[in-house]
Amino acid sequence: MELGAKIKRLRLQCGLTQEELADRCELTKGYISQLENELTSPSIQTLLDVLSALGTTAAEFFAEEDDGQVVFTSDDFFEKDAEGHVITWLVPNSQRNEMEPILITVRPGAASVKDMPHEGEEFGYVKRGSVVLHLGKREFTAKEGDTFYYESNKVHYLENRSAEDAEVIWVASPPTF
């Protein structure tokens, strides 16, 4: 682990100069420079003081930063072709996350599966075409570039009454698809 490089990265994220960090820790600017360039090693107490001045703890500083995959490509997507529509899961295994984004393509004259009332909220962005959002007994038309957002406490689904495919990026929280 490059202790000095990590301290420098934190210092820059905090918008501090070496002199400002040194002042906060009652150290010299030269010492901070040596520390960041791996020319000296701090005592445990000095390191704790520096980390405190940078707004972090030793546990956070030394924790492994593996947050898993962040960027997903089409190679990661999973697709299910259902009657009248195609669902593409944009984040694999997203049902374990707080949100589940999908791309749903609703064919002309078709509809998505009716989703029964459940806890949560849903968001959609009409990427192409237009859809009718059925939410309980109400209907809402959303066309290309429009968005929708609602609580999932009523029966809900999408219908495509047009002559072309409609594509919607749909996000459910918590995951339900």
Protein backbone atom coordinates (compact mmCIF):
# COMPACT_ATOMS: atom_id res chain seq x y z
CA MET A 1 0.00 0.00 0.00
CA GLU A 2 1.30 3.42 -0.91
CA LEU A 3 0.47 5.31 2.27
CA GLY A 4 1.81 8.66 1.07
CA ALA A 5 -0.02 8.58 -2.26
CA LYS A 6 -3.27 7.76 -0.51
CA ILE A 7 -2.80 10.61 1.99
CA LYS A 8 -2.04 13.00 -0.88
CA ARG A 9 -5.17 11.87 -2.76
CA LEU A 10 -7.29 12.48 0.36
CA ARG A 11 -5.68 15.87 0.94
CA LEU A 12 -6.43 16.95 -2.61
CA GLN A 13 -10.02 15.68 -2.34
CA CYS A 14 -10.40 17.87 0.74
CA GLY A 15 -9.01 20.83 -1.19
CA LEU A 16 -6.13 21.35 1.24
CA THR A 17 -2.58 22.43 0.56
CA GLN A 18 0.29 20.65 2.28
CA GLU A 19 0.69 23.70 4.49
CA GLU A 20 -2.99 23.71 5.51
CA LEU A 21 -2.86 20.01 6.38
CA ALA A 22 0.37 20.55 8.32
CA ASP A 23 -1.21 23.40 10.30
CA ARG A 24 -4.21 21.26 11.22
CA CYS A 25 -1.93 18.50 12.50
CA GLU A 26 0.72 20.74 14.11
CA LEU A 27 3.33 19.40 11.69
CA THR A 28 5.55 21.06 9.14
CA LYS A 29 4.84 21.39 5.43
CA GLY A 30 8.17 19.61 4.79
CA TYR A 31 7.05 16.63 6.89
CA ILE A 32 3.78 16.35 4.96
CA SER A 33 5.76 16.49 1.70
CA GLN A 34 8.12 13.74 2.91
CA LEU A 35 5.12 11.67 4.04
CA GLU A 36 3.35 12.00 0.68
CA ASN A 37 6.57 11.14 -1.21
CA GLU A 38 7.17 8.02 0.91
CA LEU A 39 10.40 9.48 2.36
CA THR A 40 9.27 9.00 5.95
CA SER A 41 6.82 6.85 7.88
CA PRO A 42 4.55 8.43 10.47
CA SER A 43 4.06 7.15 13.98
CA ILE A 44 0.63 5.66 14.61
CA GLN A 45 -0.46 8.76 16.53
CA THR A 46 0.73 11.10 13.76
CA LEU A 47 -1.07 9.01 11.14
CA LEU A 48 -4.27 9.13 13.21
CA ASP A 49 -3.94 12.91 13.53
CA VAL A 50 -3.44 13.31 9.76
CA LEU A 51 -6.40 11.03 8.99
CA SER A 52 -8.59 12.93 11.44
CA ALA A 53 -7.64 16.22 9.78
CA LEU A 54 -8.61 14.65 6.45
CA GLY A 55 -12.02 13.65 7.79
CA THR A 56 -11.50 9.91 7.85
CA THR A 57 -10.65 7.09 10.23
CA ALA A 58 -7.96 4.43 10.16
CA ALA A 59 -10.63 1.79 9.45
CA GLU A 60 -11.90 3.72 6.41
CA PHE A 61 -8.39 4.56 5.25
CA PHE A 62 -7.18 0.95 5.30
CA ALA A 63 -10.42 -0.65 4.09
CA GLU A 64 -10.23 -2.38 0.74
CA GLU A 65 -11.97 -0.32 -1.91
CA ASP A 66 -13.51 -3.10 -3.98
CA ASP A 67 -17.04 -1.89 -4.66
CA GLY A 68 -17.50 -4.49 -7.38
CA GLN A 69 -18.32 -3.82 -10.98
CA VAL A 70 -19.42 -0.26 -11.71
CA VAL A 71 -19.66 -0.08 -15.50
CA PHE A 72 -21.73 -2.64 -17.40
CA THR A 73 -21.59 -3.29 -21.13
CA SER A 74 -24.00 -5.05 -23.45
CA ASP A 75 -21.99 -8.24 -22.82
CA ASP A 76 -23.25 -8.13 -19.21
CA PHE A 77 -26.92 -7.66 -20.08
CA PHE A 78 -29.44 -10.48 -19.78
CA GLU A 79 -32.44 -10.56 -22.08
CA LYS A 80 -35.81 -12.30 -21.84
CA ASP A 81 -38.14 -12.33 -24.83
CA ALA A 82 -41.71 -12.57 -23.56
CA GLU A 83 -45.01 -12.40 -25.39
CA GLY A 84 -45.36 -8.85 -26.67
CA HIS A 85 -42.26 -7.45 -25.01
CA VAL A 86 -38.55 -7.95 -24.37
CA ILE A 87 -36.94 -7.24 -20.99
CA THR A 88 -33.22 -6.49 -20.87
CA TRP A 89 -31.66 -6.42 -17.41
CA LEU A 90 -29.06 -3.65 -17.58
CA VAL A 91 -27.28 -4.57 -14.33
CA PRO A 92 -26.74 -8.29 -13.72
CA ASN A 93 -27.97 -9.57 -10.35
CA SER A 94 -29.51 -6.17 -9.60
CA GLN A 95 -32.32 -7.85 -7.67
CA ARG A 96 -29.81 -7.87 -4.79
CA ASN A 97 -29.47 -4.07 -4.98
CA GLU A 98 -31.74 -1.21 -3.91
CA MET A 99 -32.77 -0.53 -7.53
CA GLU A 100 -33.32 -2.70 -10.57
CA PRO A 101 -32.95 -0.97 -13.94
CA ILE A 102 -34.28 -2.65 -17.06
CA LEU A 103 -34.83 -1.72 -20.67
CA ILE A 104 -38.24 -2.90 -21.77
CA THR A 105 -39.19 -3.00 -25.42
CA VAL A 106 -42.94 -3.18 -25.88
CA ARG A 107 -44.00 -4.32 -29.33
CA PRO A 108 -46.80 -2.56 -31.28
CA GLY A 109 -50.24 -3.37 -29.89
CA ALA A 110 -48.76 -5.27 -26.92
CA ALA A 111 -48.36 -4.68 -23.20
CA SER A 112 -46.01 -5.63 -20.42
CA VAL A 113 -47.12 -8.07 -17.75
CA LYS A 114 -49.47 -6.54 -15.18
CA ASP A 115 -47.51 -5.93 -12.01
CA MET A 116 -49.55 -6.39 -8.85
CA PRO A 117 -49.39 -3.78 -6.07
CA HIS A 118 -46.26 -4.01 -3.98
CA GLU A 119 -44.09 -1.86 -1.77
CA GLY A 120 -41.75 0.56 -3.49
CA GLU A 121 -41.46 3.15 -6.22
CA GLU A 122 -40.81 3.02 -9.94
CA PHE A 123 -39.33 5.38 -12.49
CA GLY A 124 -39.39 5.23 -16.27
CA TYR A 125 -37.84 7.10 -19.16
CA VAL A 126 -39.34 6.64 -22.63
CA LYS A 127 -36.32 6.22 -24.84
CA ARG A 128 -38.21 5.58 -28.07
CA GLY A 129 -41.84 5.62 -29.19
CA SER A 130 -44.74 6.12 -26.79
CA VAL A 131 -46.50 4.08 -24.13
CA VAL A 132 -49.61 4.21 -22.03
CA LEU A 133 -48.85 3.73 -18.35
CA HIS A 134 -51.70 1.97 -16.59
CA LEU A 135 -51.70 2.80 -12.88
CA GLY A 136 -54.72 1.39 -11.12
CA LYS A 137 -57.77 2.70 -12.99
CA ARG A 138 -55.86 5.65 -14.48
CA GLU A 139 -53.99 5.90 -17.78
CA PHE A 140 -51.09 8.21 -18.63
CA THR A 141 -49.50 8.66 -22.04
CA ALA A 142 -45.74 9.11 -22.14
CA LYS A 143 -43.86 9.74 -25.36
CA GLU A 144 -40.20 9.76 -26.32
CA GLY A 145 -38.22 11.88 -23.87
CA ASP A 146 -40.92 11.80 -21.16
CA THR A 147 -40.47 10.27 -17.72
CA PHE A 148 -42.83 8.80 -15.16
CA TYR A 149 -42.56 8.16 -11.44
CA TYR A 150 -45.05 6.54 -9.08
CA GLU A 151 -45.55 4.49 -5.94
CA SER A 152 -46.06 0.82 -6.80
CA ASN A 153 -49.17 0.41 -4.63
CA LYS A 154 -51.59 -0.17 -7.55
CA VAL A 155 -51.69 -2.61 -10.45
CA HIS A 156 -49.38 -1.13 -13.11
CA TYR A 157 -48.12 -1.96 -16.58
CA LEU A 158 -47.17 -0.43 -19.92
CA GLU A 159 -49.09 -0.67 -23.17
CA ASN A 160 -47.93 0.26 -26.67
CA ARG A 161 -50.84 1.47 -28.81
CA SER A 162 -48.59 2.70 -31.63
CA ALA A 163 -47.34 0.97 -34.79
CA GLU A 164 -43.68 0.95 -33.73
CA ASP A 165 -41.67 -0.57 -30.88
CA ALA A 166 -41.50 1.47 -27.69
CA GLU A 167 -38.41 1.38 -25.49
CA VAL A 168 -38.51 2.39 -21.83
CA ILE A 169 -35.75 2.43 -19.25
CA TRP A 170 -37.62 1.34 -16.15
CA VAL A 171 -36.21 1.35 -12.61
CA ALA A 172 -37.93 -0.37 -9.69
CA SER A 173 -36.98 0.10 -6.07
CA PRO A 174 -36.92 -2.38 -4.48
CA PRO A 175 -36.33 -4.81 -7.36
CA THR A 176 -39.39 -6.63 -8.67
CA PHE A 177 -38.72 -7.61 -12.28
